[in-house]
N, C-alpha and C. Protein backbone atom coordinates (compact mmCIF):
# COMPACT_ATOMS: atom_id res chain seq x y z
N MET A 1 39.16 -19.14 14.51
CA MET A 1 38.65 -18.02 15.31
C MET A 1 37.96 -17.00 14.41
N SER A 2 36.84 -16.41 14.88
CA SER A 2 36.08 -15.46 14.08
C SER A 2 36.90 -14.24 13.72
N MET A 3 36.76 -13.83 12.45
CA MET A 3 37.44 -12.63 11.99
C MET A 3 36.46 -11.46 11.87
N ASP A 4 35.26 -11.59 12.45
CA ASP A 4 34.24 -10.55 12.34
C ASP A 4 34.40 -9.43 13.35
N LEU A 5 35.33 -9.57 14.27
CA LEU A 5 35.53 -8.54 15.28
C LEU A 5 36.15 -7.30 14.65
N GLU A 6 35.55 -6.15 14.91
CA GLU A 6 36.07 -4.90 14.37
C GLU A 6 36.93 -4.20 15.42
N LYS A 7 37.87 -3.43 14.94
CA LYS A 7 38.74 -2.68 15.85
C LYS A 7 37.90 -1.70 16.66
N ILE A 8 38.27 -1.54 17.92
CA ILE A 8 37.53 -0.67 18.83
C ILE A 8 37.91 0.78 18.58
N LYS A 9 36.88 1.64 18.53
CA LYS A 9 37.13 3.07 18.34
C LYS A 9 37.58 3.68 19.66
N ILE A 10 38.68 4.39 19.63
CA ILE A 10 39.23 4.96 20.87
C ILE A 10 38.39 6.11 21.39
N THR A 11 37.37 6.54 20.63
CA THR A 11 36.50 7.64 21.07
C THR A 11 35.52 7.18 22.15
N GLU A 12 35.32 5.85 22.27
CA GLU A 12 34.40 5.34 23.30
C GLU A 12 34.97 5.62 24.68
N LEU A 13 34.11 6.13 25.59
CA LEU A 13 34.57 6.60 26.89
C LEU A 13 34.50 5.55 27.99
N ARG A 14 33.85 4.44 27.74
CA ARG A 14 33.75 3.40 28.77
C ARG A 14 35.08 2.69 28.95
N PRO A 15 35.26 1.99 30.09
CA PRO A 15 36.50 1.22 30.29
C PRO A 15 36.70 0.22 29.15
N MET A 16 37.93 0.10 28.69
CA MET A 16 38.23 -0.76 27.55
C MET A 16 37.83 -2.21 27.81
N SER A 17 38.04 -2.69 29.05
CA SER A 17 37.70 -4.08 29.36
C SER A 17 36.20 -4.33 29.22
N GLU A 18 35.39 -3.32 29.54
CA GLU A 18 33.93 -3.44 29.44
C GLU A 18 33.50 -3.54 27.97
N ILE A 19 34.13 -2.72 27.13
CA ILE A 19 33.82 -2.74 25.69
C ILE A 19 34.19 -4.09 25.09
N ILE A 20 35.38 -4.58 25.45
CA ILE A 20 35.85 -5.87 24.93
C ILE A 20 34.95 -7.00 25.42
N TYR A 21 34.59 -6.95 26.70
CA TYR A 21 33.69 -7.96 27.28
C TYR A 21 32.39 -8.04 26.49
N GLU A 22 31.79 -6.89 26.20
CA GLU A 22 30.51 -6.88 25.48
C GLU A 22 30.65 -7.41 24.06
N LYS A 23 31.75 -7.05 23.40
CA LYS A 23 31.99 -7.53 22.03
C LYS A 23 32.16 -9.05 22.00
N LEU A 24 32.97 -9.56 22.91
CA LEU A 24 33.22 -11.00 22.95
C LEU A 24 31.98 -11.78 23.39
N ARG A 25 31.26 -11.23 24.35
CA ARG A 25 30.04 -11.87 24.83
C ARG A 25 29.03 -12.01 23.68
N GLN A 26 28.86 -10.92 22.93
CA GLN A 26 27.93 -10.94 21.81
C GLN A 26 28.37 -11.95 20.76
N ALA A 27 29.66 -11.99 20.49
CA ALA A 27 30.20 -12.92 19.49
C ALA A 27 29.96 -14.37 19.90
N ILE A 28 30.10 -14.65 21.20
CA ILE A 28 29.88 -16.02 21.70
C ILE A 28 28.40 -16.38 21.62
N LEU A 29 27.52 -15.44 22.04
CA LEU A 29 26.08 -15.71 22.02
C LEU A 29 25.56 -15.88 20.59
N GLU A 30 26.20 -15.20 19.64
CA GLU A 30 25.80 -15.33 18.23
C GLU A 30 26.52 -16.50 17.56
N GLU A 31 27.31 -17.23 18.35
CA GLU A 31 28.07 -18.40 17.88
C GLU A 31 29.07 -18.06 16.78
N LYS A 32 29.58 -16.83 16.82
CA LYS A 32 30.72 -16.50 15.95
C LYS A 32 31.96 -17.22 16.48
N PHE A 33 31.98 -17.42 17.81
CA PHE A 33 32.96 -18.30 18.44
C PHE A 33 32.20 -19.55 18.86
N LYS A 34 32.61 -20.69 18.40
CA LYS A 34 31.90 -21.94 18.68
C LYS A 34 32.36 -22.55 20.00
N ALA A 35 31.48 -23.32 20.62
CA ALA A 35 31.83 -24.05 21.84
C ALA A 35 33.01 -24.97 21.55
N GLY A 36 34.00 -24.93 22.43
CA GLY A 36 35.21 -25.74 22.25
C GLY A 36 36.34 -25.00 21.56
N GLU A 37 36.02 -23.84 21.00
CA GLU A 37 37.05 -23.06 20.30
C GLU A 37 37.96 -22.35 21.31
N ARG A 38 39.22 -22.24 20.97
CA ARG A 38 40.19 -21.59 21.86
C ARG A 38 40.27 -20.11 21.53
N LEU A 39 40.25 -19.27 22.57
CA LEU A 39 40.41 -17.83 22.41
C LEU A 39 41.85 -17.47 22.76
N ILE A 40 42.54 -16.87 21.81
CA ILE A 40 43.95 -16.52 22.00
C ILE A 40 44.08 -15.02 22.21
N GLU A 41 44.65 -14.64 23.34
CA GLU A 41 44.77 -13.23 23.71
C GLU A 41 45.39 -12.39 22.61
N THR A 42 46.54 -12.84 22.10
CA THR A 42 47.27 -12.04 21.11
C THR A 42 46.47 -11.85 19.83
N THR A 43 45.75 -12.88 19.41
CA THR A 43 44.95 -12.78 18.18
C THR A 43 43.81 -11.79 18.36
N ILE A 44 43.12 -11.87 19.51
CA ILE A 44 42.02 -10.95 19.78
C ILE A 44 42.54 -9.53 19.92
N ALA A 45 43.70 -9.38 20.56
CA ALA A 45 44.31 -8.05 20.72
C ALA A 45 44.58 -7.43 19.35
N ASP A 46 45.08 -8.23 18.42
CA ASP A 46 45.36 -7.74 17.06
C ASP A 46 44.07 -7.37 16.33
N LEU A 47 43.04 -8.22 16.47
CA LEU A 47 41.77 -7.97 15.79
C LEU A 47 41.10 -6.70 16.29
N LEU A 48 41.17 -6.47 17.60
CA LEU A 48 40.50 -5.31 18.20
C LEU A 48 41.38 -4.07 18.26
N GLY A 49 42.68 -4.26 18.06
CA GLY A 49 43.60 -3.13 18.12
C GLY A 49 43.80 -2.61 19.52
N VAL A 50 43.91 -3.55 20.49
CA VAL A 50 44.07 -3.16 21.90
C VAL A 50 45.21 -3.97 22.51
N SER A 51 45.55 -3.61 23.76
CA SER A 51 46.58 -4.37 24.47
C SER A 51 45.95 -5.61 25.10
N ARG A 52 46.78 -6.48 25.65
CA ARG A 52 46.28 -7.74 26.20
C ARG A 52 45.68 -7.58 27.60
N THR A 53 46.05 -6.52 28.32
CA THR A 53 45.57 -6.36 29.71
C THR A 53 44.04 -6.29 29.79
N PRO A 54 43.36 -5.41 29.03
CA PRO A 54 41.89 -5.38 29.13
C PRO A 54 41.23 -6.65 28.62
N ILE A 55 41.92 -7.37 27.74
CA ILE A 55 41.37 -8.65 27.26
C ILE A 55 41.34 -9.66 28.39
N ARG A 56 42.41 -9.69 29.19
CA ARG A 56 42.45 -10.60 30.34
C ARG A 56 41.34 -10.27 31.33
N GLU A 57 41.08 -8.96 31.52
CA GLU A 57 40.01 -8.54 32.43
C GLU A 57 38.64 -8.96 31.89
N ALA A 58 38.48 -8.83 30.57
CA ALA A 58 37.22 -9.24 29.94
C ALA A 58 37.02 -10.75 30.05
N PHE A 59 38.11 -11.50 29.91
CA PHE A 59 38.05 -12.96 30.05
C PHE A 59 37.53 -13.35 31.44
N LYS A 60 37.96 -12.62 32.47
CA LYS A 60 37.51 -12.93 33.84
C LYS A 60 35.99 -12.78 33.94
N GLN A 61 35.45 -11.72 33.33
CA GLN A 61 34.00 -11.50 33.36
C GLN A 61 33.26 -12.59 32.59
N LEU A 62 33.80 -12.95 31.44
CA LEU A 62 33.17 -13.99 30.62
C LEU A 62 33.20 -15.34 31.31
N GLU A 63 34.28 -15.60 32.05
CA GLU A 63 34.36 -16.86 32.79
C GLU A 63 33.36 -16.87 33.94
N ALA A 64 33.17 -15.70 34.57
CA ALA A 64 32.17 -15.60 35.64
C ALA A 64 30.76 -15.84 35.09
N ASP A 65 30.54 -15.47 33.83
CA ASP A 65 29.24 -15.71 33.17
C ASP A 65 29.07 -17.17 32.75
N GLY A 66 30.17 -17.92 32.79
CA GLY A 66 30.12 -19.31 32.36
C GLY A 66 30.22 -19.49 30.85
N LEU A 67 30.62 -18.41 30.14
CA LEU A 67 30.69 -18.49 28.68
C LEU A 67 32.05 -18.98 28.18
N ILE A 68 33.08 -18.86 29.01
CA ILE A 68 34.40 -19.40 28.67
C ILE A 68 34.98 -20.09 29.90
N LYS A 69 36.04 -20.86 29.69
CA LYS A 69 36.70 -21.53 30.81
C LYS A 69 38.19 -21.55 30.56
N SER A 70 38.94 -21.17 31.60
CA SER A 70 40.40 -21.21 31.51
C SER A 70 40.89 -22.58 31.98
N ILE A 71 41.53 -23.30 31.08
CA ILE A 71 41.99 -24.67 31.37
C ILE A 71 43.52 -24.72 31.32
N PRO A 72 44.16 -25.18 32.41
CA PRO A 72 45.63 -25.26 32.43
C PRO A 72 46.18 -26.03 31.23
N ARG A 73 47.21 -25.47 30.61
CA ARG A 73 47.92 -26.04 29.46
C ARG A 73 47.09 -26.09 28.17
N LYS A 74 45.85 -25.62 28.26
CA LYS A 74 45.01 -25.58 27.05
C LYS A 74 44.63 -24.15 26.68
N GLY A 75 44.56 -23.29 27.70
CA GLY A 75 44.19 -21.91 27.45
C GLY A 75 42.72 -21.64 27.72
N VAL A 76 42.20 -20.60 27.09
CA VAL A 76 40.82 -20.17 27.30
C VAL A 76 39.93 -20.81 26.23
N ILE A 77 38.94 -21.57 26.68
CA ILE A 77 38.07 -22.33 25.78
C ILE A 77 36.63 -21.80 25.88
N VAL A 78 35.99 -21.63 24.74
CA VAL A 78 34.60 -21.17 24.70
C VAL A 78 33.67 -22.27 25.20
N GLN A 79 32.82 -21.92 26.15
CA GLN A 79 31.82 -22.85 26.66
C GLN A 79 30.49 -22.67 25.93
N GLY A 80 30.19 -21.39 25.62
CA GLY A 80 28.92 -21.08 24.97
C GLY A 80 27.75 -21.27 25.91
N VAL A 81 26.55 -21.34 25.34
CA VAL A 81 25.33 -21.56 26.11
C VAL A 81 25.00 -23.04 26.02
N SER A 82 25.07 -23.74 27.14
CA SER A 82 24.81 -25.18 27.14
C SER A 82 23.32 -25.46 27.02
N LEU A 83 22.98 -26.70 26.71
CA LEU A 83 21.58 -27.10 26.63
C LEU A 83 20.88 -26.86 27.96
N GLU A 84 21.57 -27.18 29.05
CA GLU A 84 21.00 -26.96 30.39
C GLU A 84 20.74 -25.48 30.63
N ASP A 85 21.71 -24.63 30.25
CA ASP A 85 21.53 -23.17 30.39
C ASP A 85 20.29 -22.71 29.64
N ALA A 86 20.17 -23.17 28.39
CA ALA A 86 19.06 -22.74 27.54
C ALA A 86 17.72 -23.14 28.12
N LEU A 87 17.61 -24.37 28.62
CA LEU A 87 16.35 -24.85 29.19
C LEU A 87 15.98 -24.06 30.44
N GLU A 88 16.99 -23.69 31.23
CA GLU A 88 16.73 -22.87 32.42
C GLU A 88 16.24 -21.48 32.03
N ILE A 89 16.80 -20.93 30.94
CA ILE A 89 16.37 -19.62 30.46
C ILE A 89 14.91 -19.68 30.02
N TYR A 90 14.52 -20.77 29.37
CA TYR A 90 13.12 -20.92 28.98
C TYR A 90 12.20 -20.96 30.20
N GLU A 91 12.63 -21.60 31.27
CA GLU A 91 11.82 -21.66 32.49
C GLU A 91 11.65 -20.26 33.09
N ILE A 92 12.72 -19.48 33.07
CA ILE A 92 12.65 -18.10 33.57
C ILE A 92 11.74 -17.27 32.69
N ARG A 93 11.88 -17.44 31.37
CA ARG A 93 11.03 -16.71 30.42
C ARG A 93 9.56 -17.02 30.66
N GLU A 94 9.25 -18.28 30.87
CA GLU A 94 7.85 -18.67 31.07
C GLU A 94 7.24 -17.90 32.24
N ALA A 95 7.97 -17.84 33.33
CA ALA A 95 7.45 -17.15 34.52
C ALA A 95 7.35 -15.64 34.30
N LEU A 96 8.42 -15.03 33.80
CA LEU A 96 8.47 -13.57 33.69
C LEU A 96 7.59 -13.05 32.56
N GLU A 97 7.62 -13.70 31.40
CA GLU A 97 6.80 -13.22 30.29
C GLU A 97 5.32 -13.49 30.55
N GLY A 98 5.04 -14.56 31.27
CA GLY A 98 3.66 -14.82 31.67
C GLY A 98 3.15 -13.71 32.56
N MET A 99 3.98 -13.28 33.51
CA MET A 99 3.61 -12.18 34.40
C MET A 99 3.46 -10.88 33.62
N ALA A 100 4.35 -10.65 32.64
CA ALA A 100 4.28 -9.43 31.83
C ALA A 100 2.94 -9.34 31.09
N SER A 101 2.50 -10.46 30.53
CA SER A 101 1.22 -10.48 29.81
C SER A 101 0.06 -10.22 30.77
N ARG A 102 0.13 -10.80 31.96
CA ARG A 102 -0.91 -10.58 32.97
C ARG A 102 -1.00 -9.09 33.33
N LEU A 103 0.14 -8.47 33.60
CA LEU A 103 0.16 -7.06 33.97
C LEU A 103 -0.29 -6.16 32.82
N ALA A 104 0.07 -6.56 31.60
CA ALA A 104 -0.28 -5.75 30.43
C ALA A 104 -1.79 -5.66 30.23
N CYS A 105 -2.53 -6.65 30.71
CA CYS A 105 -3.99 -6.65 30.56
C CYS A 105 -4.61 -5.38 31.13
N LYS A 106 -4.07 -4.90 32.23
CA LYS A 106 -4.62 -3.71 32.89
C LYS A 106 -3.89 -2.42 32.52
N ARG A 107 -2.67 -2.56 31.98
CA ARG A 107 -1.82 -1.38 31.83
C ARG A 107 -1.54 -0.96 30.39
N ILE A 108 -1.85 -1.79 29.44
CA ILE A 108 -1.55 -1.48 28.05
C ILE A 108 -2.46 -0.36 27.54
N SER A 109 -1.91 0.51 26.70
CA SER A 109 -2.69 1.62 26.15
C SER A 109 -3.29 1.24 24.79
N LYS A 110 -4.27 2.02 24.35
CA LYS A 110 -4.87 1.78 23.03
C LYS A 110 -3.83 1.94 21.93
N GLU A 111 -2.94 2.93 22.12
CA GLU A 111 -1.89 3.18 21.13
C GLU A 111 -0.95 1.98 21.02
N GLU A 112 -0.62 1.39 22.16
CA GLU A 112 0.26 0.21 22.16
C GLU A 112 -0.42 -0.97 21.48
N LEU A 113 -1.71 -1.14 21.74
CA LEU A 113 -2.46 -2.22 21.09
C LEU A 113 -2.45 -2.05 19.58
N GLN A 114 -2.63 -0.81 19.13
CA GLN A 114 -2.61 -0.53 17.69
C GLN A 114 -1.24 -0.84 17.10
N GLU A 115 -0.18 -0.46 17.83
CA GLU A 115 1.18 -0.73 17.37
C GLU A 115 1.42 -2.24 17.23
N ILE A 116 0.96 -2.99 18.23
CA ILE A 116 1.16 -4.44 18.21
C ILE A 116 0.37 -5.09 17.08
N ARG A 117 -0.85 -4.60 16.83
CA ARG A 117 -1.64 -5.11 15.71
C ARG A 117 -0.91 -4.85 14.38
N SER A 118 -0.29 -3.68 14.29
CA SER A 118 0.46 -3.33 13.09
C SER A 118 1.67 -4.25 12.92
N ILE A 119 2.32 -4.56 14.04
CA ILE A 119 3.47 -5.48 14.02
C ILE A 119 3.04 -6.86 13.52
N ILE A 120 1.88 -7.32 14.00
CA ILE A 120 1.36 -8.62 13.58
C ILE A 120 1.10 -8.65 12.07
N THR A 121 0.54 -7.55 11.56
CA THR A 121 0.30 -7.45 10.11
C THR A 121 1.62 -7.55 9.34
N SER A 122 2.64 -6.86 9.85
CA SER A 122 3.96 -6.91 9.21
C SER A 122 4.57 -8.31 9.30
N MET A 123 4.31 -8.99 10.41
CA MET A 123 4.80 -10.37 10.56
C MET A 123 4.15 -11.28 9.53
N GLU A 124 2.85 -11.08 9.29
CA GLU A 124 2.14 -11.88 8.29
C GLU A 124 2.77 -11.67 6.90
N THR A 125 3.11 -10.41 6.61
CA THR A 125 3.73 -10.10 5.32
C THR A 125 5.10 -10.76 5.20
N SER A 126 5.87 -10.72 6.28
CA SER A 126 7.21 -11.32 6.26
C SER A 126 7.14 -12.83 6.06
N ILE A 127 6.09 -13.46 6.57
CA ILE A 127 5.90 -14.90 6.37
C ILE A 127 5.56 -15.18 4.90
N GLU A 128 4.66 -14.36 4.35
CA GLU A 128 4.28 -14.53 2.93
C GLU A 128 5.50 -14.35 2.02
N ASP A 129 6.36 -13.40 2.39
CA ASP A 129 7.55 -13.12 1.58
C ASP A 129 8.72 -14.05 1.92
N GLU A 130 8.52 -14.90 2.94
CA GLU A 130 9.58 -15.79 3.44
C GLU A 130 10.84 -15.00 3.80
N ASN A 131 10.58 -13.86 4.44
CA ASN A 131 11.67 -12.97 4.87
C ASN A 131 12.04 -13.31 6.31
N ASP A 132 12.94 -14.24 6.47
CA ASP A 132 13.33 -14.75 7.78
C ASP A 132 13.89 -13.65 8.69
N LYS A 133 14.77 -12.84 8.14
CA LYS A 133 15.43 -11.79 8.92
C LYS A 133 14.42 -10.77 9.45
N GLU A 134 13.49 -10.35 8.59
CA GLU A 134 12.48 -9.36 8.99
C GLU A 134 11.54 -9.95 10.04
N TYR A 135 11.17 -11.21 9.86
CA TYR A 135 10.27 -11.86 10.82
C TYR A 135 10.89 -11.89 12.21
N LYS A 136 12.15 -12.28 12.29
CA LYS A 136 12.81 -12.37 13.60
C LYS A 136 12.92 -11.01 14.26
N LYS A 137 13.15 -9.98 13.45
CA LYS A 137 13.22 -8.61 13.99
C LYS A 137 11.87 -8.21 14.57
N LEU A 138 10.80 -8.49 13.84
CA LEU A 138 9.45 -8.15 14.30
C LEU A 138 9.05 -8.98 15.52
N HIS A 139 9.51 -10.21 15.56
CA HIS A 139 9.25 -11.10 16.71
C HIS A 139 9.81 -10.48 17.99
N ILE A 140 11.01 -9.94 17.90
CA ILE A 140 11.65 -9.29 19.05
C ILE A 140 10.86 -8.05 19.46
N ILE A 141 10.44 -7.24 18.47
CA ILE A 141 9.69 -6.02 18.76
C ILE A 141 8.37 -6.36 19.44
N PHE A 142 7.69 -7.40 18.96
CA PHE A 142 6.42 -7.84 19.56
C PHE A 142 6.61 -8.15 21.04
N ASN A 143 7.61 -8.97 21.35
CA ASN A 143 7.86 -9.35 22.74
C ASN A 143 8.20 -8.13 23.60
N ASN A 144 9.01 -7.22 23.05
CA ASN A 144 9.40 -6.03 23.80
C ASN A 144 8.20 -5.13 24.09
N LYS A 145 7.28 -5.03 23.13
CA LYS A 145 6.10 -4.17 23.32
C LYS A 145 5.23 -4.67 24.47
N ILE A 146 5.04 -5.97 24.55
CA ILE A 146 4.24 -6.52 25.64
C ILE A 146 4.98 -6.35 26.97
N LEU A 147 6.28 -6.56 26.94
CA LEU A 147 7.07 -6.38 28.15
C LEU A 147 6.97 -4.95 28.65
N GLU A 148 7.09 -3.98 27.73
CA GLU A 148 6.99 -2.57 28.10
C GLU A 148 5.60 -2.24 28.65
N ALA A 149 4.58 -2.88 28.10
CA ALA A 149 3.20 -2.62 28.52
C ALA A 149 2.93 -3.11 29.94
N SER A 150 3.81 -3.94 30.48
CA SER A 150 3.64 -4.40 31.87
C SER A 150 3.85 -3.26 32.86
N ARG A 151 4.61 -2.24 32.43
CA ARG A 151 4.93 -1.07 33.27
C ARG A 151 5.66 -1.46 34.56
N ASN A 152 6.36 -2.58 34.52
CA ASN A 152 7.10 -3.04 35.69
C ASN A 152 8.59 -3.00 35.37
N LYS A 153 9.26 -1.97 35.86
CA LYS A 153 10.67 -1.75 35.49
C LYS A 153 11.57 -2.90 35.95
N LYS A 154 11.33 -3.41 37.15
CA LYS A 154 12.16 -4.50 37.66
C LYS A 154 12.02 -5.75 36.78
N LEU A 155 10.80 -6.03 36.38
CA LEU A 155 10.56 -7.19 35.52
C LEU A 155 11.25 -7.00 34.17
N ILE A 156 11.13 -5.79 33.62
CA ILE A 156 11.76 -5.48 32.33
C ILE A 156 13.28 -5.62 32.42
N ASP A 157 13.86 -5.07 33.48
CA ASP A 157 15.31 -5.15 33.67
C ASP A 157 15.77 -6.61 33.78
N GLU A 158 14.99 -7.41 34.49
CA GLU A 158 15.35 -8.81 34.68
C GLU A 158 15.28 -9.57 33.35
N MET A 159 14.23 -9.31 32.57
CA MET A 159 14.10 -10.00 31.28
C MET A 159 15.20 -9.58 30.32
N ASN A 160 15.60 -8.32 30.37
CA ASN A 160 16.64 -7.84 29.46
C ASN A 160 17.97 -8.57 29.67
N LYS A 161 18.17 -9.10 30.87
CA LYS A 161 19.39 -9.87 31.15
C LYS A 161 19.45 -11.13 30.29
N TYR A 162 18.27 -11.64 29.95
CA TYR A 162 18.21 -12.93 29.24
C TYR A 162 17.96 -12.79 27.75
N TYR A 163 17.49 -11.62 27.30
CA TYR A 163 17.16 -11.47 25.89
C TYR A 163 18.37 -11.64 24.98
N GLU A 164 19.57 -11.29 25.48
CA GLU A 164 20.78 -11.50 24.69
C GLU A 164 20.94 -12.98 24.31
N TYR A 165 20.57 -13.84 25.24
CA TYR A 165 20.74 -15.28 25.00
C TYR A 165 19.77 -15.81 23.94
N LEU A 166 18.72 -15.03 23.66
CA LEU A 166 17.68 -15.53 22.77
C LEU A 166 18.05 -15.49 21.30
N ILE A 167 19.13 -14.78 20.97
CA ILE A 167 19.54 -14.66 19.56
C ILE A 167 19.69 -16.05 18.94
N ASN A 168 20.53 -16.85 19.56
CA ASN A 168 20.79 -18.19 19.01
C ASN A 168 19.61 -19.13 19.24
N LEU A 169 18.88 -18.96 20.36
CA LEU A 169 17.74 -19.83 20.63
C LEU A 169 16.69 -19.67 19.55
N ARG A 170 16.45 -18.41 19.11
CA ARG A 170 15.44 -18.17 18.07
C ARG A 170 15.87 -18.75 16.73
N ASN A 171 17.18 -18.74 16.48
CA ASN A 171 17.66 -19.34 15.24
C ASN A 171 17.32 -20.82 15.18
N THR A 172 17.20 -21.43 16.36
CA THR A 172 16.87 -22.85 16.44
C THR A 172 15.37 -23.10 16.38
N THR A 173 14.58 -22.20 16.99
CA THR A 173 13.13 -22.45 17.11
C THR A 173 12.29 -21.82 16.00
N LEU A 174 12.87 -20.92 15.21
CA LEU A 174 12.12 -20.25 14.14
C LEU A 174 12.73 -20.57 12.77
N LYS A 175 13.06 -21.83 12.57
CA LYS A 175 13.82 -22.23 11.39
C LYS A 175 13.03 -22.20 10.09
N ASN A 176 11.74 -22.47 10.14
CA ASN A 176 10.98 -22.58 8.89
C ASN A 176 9.66 -21.81 8.96
N ASN A 177 9.05 -21.63 7.79
CA ASN A 177 7.85 -20.83 7.69
C ASN A 177 6.66 -21.45 8.42
N GLU A 178 6.57 -22.77 8.45
CA GLU A 178 5.46 -23.42 9.15
C GLU A 178 5.51 -23.11 10.64
N ARG A 179 6.71 -23.16 11.20
CA ARG A 179 6.86 -22.84 12.62
C ARG A 179 6.56 -21.36 12.86
N ARG A 180 6.97 -20.50 11.93
CA ARG A 180 6.71 -19.07 12.09
C ARG A 180 5.21 -18.77 12.04
N LYS A 181 4.48 -19.51 11.20
CA LYS A 181 3.02 -19.35 11.14
C LYS A 181 2.38 -19.77 12.46
N GLU A 182 2.88 -20.86 13.02
CA GLU A 182 2.37 -21.35 14.31
C GLU A 182 2.59 -20.31 15.41
N VAL A 183 3.80 -19.74 15.44
CA VAL A 183 4.14 -18.74 16.45
C VAL A 183 3.26 -17.50 16.29
N LEU A 184 3.02 -17.09 15.05
CA LEU A 184 2.19 -15.92 14.80
C LEU A 184 0.78 -16.11 15.36
N GLN A 185 0.21 -17.29 15.17
CA GLN A 185 -1.13 -17.57 15.71
C GLN A 185 -1.12 -17.52 17.24
N GLU A 186 -0.04 -17.97 17.84
CA GLU A 186 0.10 -17.90 19.29
C GLU A 186 0.16 -16.44 19.74
N HIS A 187 0.89 -15.62 18.99
CA HIS A 187 0.99 -14.19 19.31
C HIS A 187 -0.37 -13.51 19.21
N ILE A 188 -1.11 -13.84 18.16
CA ILE A 188 -2.44 -13.24 17.97
C ILE A 188 -3.36 -13.61 19.14
N ALA A 189 -3.32 -14.86 19.56
CA ALA A 189 -4.16 -15.31 20.69
C ALA A 189 -3.78 -14.57 21.97
N ILE A 190 -2.48 -14.35 22.18
CA ILE A 190 -2.00 -13.65 23.38
C ILE A 190 -2.48 -12.21 23.39
N ILE A 191 -2.31 -11.50 22.26
CA ILE A 191 -2.71 -10.09 22.24
C ILE A 191 -4.23 -9.94 22.31
N ASN A 192 -4.97 -10.92 21.77
CA ASN A 192 -6.44 -10.90 21.91
C ASN A 192 -6.83 -11.00 23.38
N ALA A 193 -6.16 -11.87 24.11
CA ALA A 193 -6.45 -12.06 25.54
C ALA A 193 -6.09 -10.80 26.32
N ILE A 194 -4.97 -10.18 25.98
CA ILE A 194 -4.55 -8.95 26.66
C ILE A 194 -5.57 -7.84 26.39
N GLU A 195 -5.99 -7.71 25.13
CA GLU A 195 -6.94 -6.66 24.77
C GLU A 195 -8.28 -6.85 25.48
N SER A 196 -8.68 -8.10 25.66
CA SER A 196 -9.95 -8.38 26.35
C SER A 196 -9.84 -8.22 27.86
N GLY A 197 -8.61 -8.10 28.36
CA GLY A 197 -8.39 -7.92 29.80
C GLY A 197 -8.46 -9.21 30.60
N ASP A 198 -8.39 -10.35 29.92
CA ASP A 198 -8.46 -11.65 30.59
C ASP A 198 -7.05 -12.04 31.09
N GLU A 199 -6.76 -11.71 32.33
CA GLU A 199 -5.42 -11.89 32.89
C GLU A 199 -4.99 -13.36 32.93
N ASP A 200 -5.89 -14.22 33.39
CA ASP A 200 -5.54 -15.64 33.49
C ASP A 200 -5.25 -16.23 32.11
N LEU A 201 -6.10 -15.91 31.15
CA LEU A 201 -5.91 -16.45 29.80
C LEU A 201 -4.62 -15.92 29.18
N ALA A 202 -4.37 -14.62 29.34
CA ALA A 202 -3.16 -14.01 28.76
C ALA A 202 -1.90 -14.66 29.32
N GLU A 203 -1.88 -14.85 30.64
CA GLU A 203 -0.70 -15.48 31.26
C GLU A 203 -0.57 -16.94 30.82
N ASN A 204 -1.68 -17.66 30.82
CA ASN A 204 -1.62 -19.09 30.46
C ASN A 204 -1.20 -19.29 29.00
N LEU A 205 -1.71 -18.46 28.11
CA LEU A 205 -1.33 -18.57 26.69
C LEU A 205 0.15 -18.24 26.49
N THR A 206 0.63 -17.25 27.23
CA THR A 206 2.04 -16.88 27.13
C THR A 206 2.93 -18.01 27.64
N ARG A 207 2.56 -18.57 28.77
CA ARG A 207 3.34 -19.69 29.33
C ARG A 207 3.33 -20.88 28.35
N LYS A 208 2.18 -21.17 27.78
CA LYS A 208 2.07 -22.26 26.82
C LYS A 208 2.95 -21.99 25.59
N HIS A 209 2.97 -20.74 25.15
CA HIS A 209 3.79 -20.31 24.01
C HIS A 209 5.27 -20.55 24.28
N ILE A 210 5.72 -20.21 25.48
CA ILE A 210 7.14 -20.39 25.84
C ILE A 210 7.46 -21.88 25.99
N ARG A 211 6.55 -22.63 26.57
CA ARG A 211 6.78 -24.08 26.71
C ARG A 211 6.89 -24.76 25.35
N ARG A 212 6.08 -24.30 24.40
CA ARG A 212 6.15 -24.86 23.05
C ARG A 212 7.50 -24.52 22.40
N ALA A 213 7.96 -23.28 22.58
CA ALA A 213 9.27 -22.88 22.04
C ALA A 213 10.38 -23.72 22.67
N LYS A 214 10.25 -23.97 23.96
CA LYS A 214 11.24 -24.80 24.67
C LYS A 214 11.25 -26.22 24.11
N GLU A 215 10.07 -26.75 23.84
CA GLU A 215 9.95 -28.10 23.29
C GLU A 215 10.61 -28.19 21.91
N ILE A 216 10.33 -27.21 21.05
CA ILE A 216 10.92 -27.18 19.70
C ILE A 216 12.43 -27.06 19.79
N PHE A 217 12.90 -26.19 20.69
CA PHE A 217 14.34 -26.00 20.87
C PHE A 217 14.99 -27.31 21.28
N TYR A 218 14.40 -28.00 22.24
CA TYR A 218 14.98 -29.24 22.75
C TYR A 218 15.03 -30.31 21.65
N ILE A 219 13.95 -30.42 20.89
CA ILE A 219 13.91 -31.42 19.80
C ILE A 219 15.00 -31.14 18.78
N ASN A 220 15.12 -29.87 18.36
CA ASN A 220 16.11 -29.51 17.35
C ASN A 220 17.54 -29.67 17.85
N LYS A 221 17.77 -29.28 19.11
CA LYS A 221 19.11 -29.38 19.68
C LYS A 221 19.51 -30.83 19.89
N SER A 222 18.54 -31.66 20.27
CA SER A 222 18.83 -33.08 20.51
C SER A 222 19.30 -33.76 19.23
N LYS A 223 18.83 -33.28 18.09
CA LYS A 223 19.26 -33.84 16.80
C LYS A 223 20.72 -33.53 16.52
N ASP A 224 21.20 -32.41 17.12
CA ASP A 224 22.58 -31.98 16.87
C ASP A 224 23.59 -32.66 17.80
N ILE A 225 23.07 -33.28 18.87
CA ILE A 225 23.97 -33.88 19.87
C ILE A 225 24.48 -35.24 19.39
């Protein structure tokens, strides 16, 4: 079981079960808890410095999310994000991010375009330096900037539900510098289309970009099965 969980600060005002739920959810999505691993209430209670009652409540929420499963005589087992779950998330991303790029064509500001161009320059530097961590951080910022430029709050809220899941997916699809170079060129093509105001092209390029990421993810994951 992961020992990376830090004790919860009692100064936090939210319900304890909510705090525990978020901590455990993040740990599962980051694969600090592996699929098939058993979660033991008493151990987690000791690690977090809390009682077992809010942990049980957090477990109920995690089970509703499909991230864990309570099995008689075995206890609580981590399910993680299955291959099927991941592929469905890619399908949702294709539709929503494609729409975000389409909307951004008419709604993005000059300042936002300049910011995104600057991000792309920084991404190029991170590739040259083979700085994996920095590249992934900039990759997230790039996607968020286009999403924000859509000016559609409902779309943004919906996408934010799935971005948590992308932590581990990106670790699979952005493994090497050659792939990162390929993704950067896709990003440049997308922002060029957005800047030119070509809605169809921007949406199509974004959808193609997500489909390619899905393909790479599936190939890499299939090797692990």
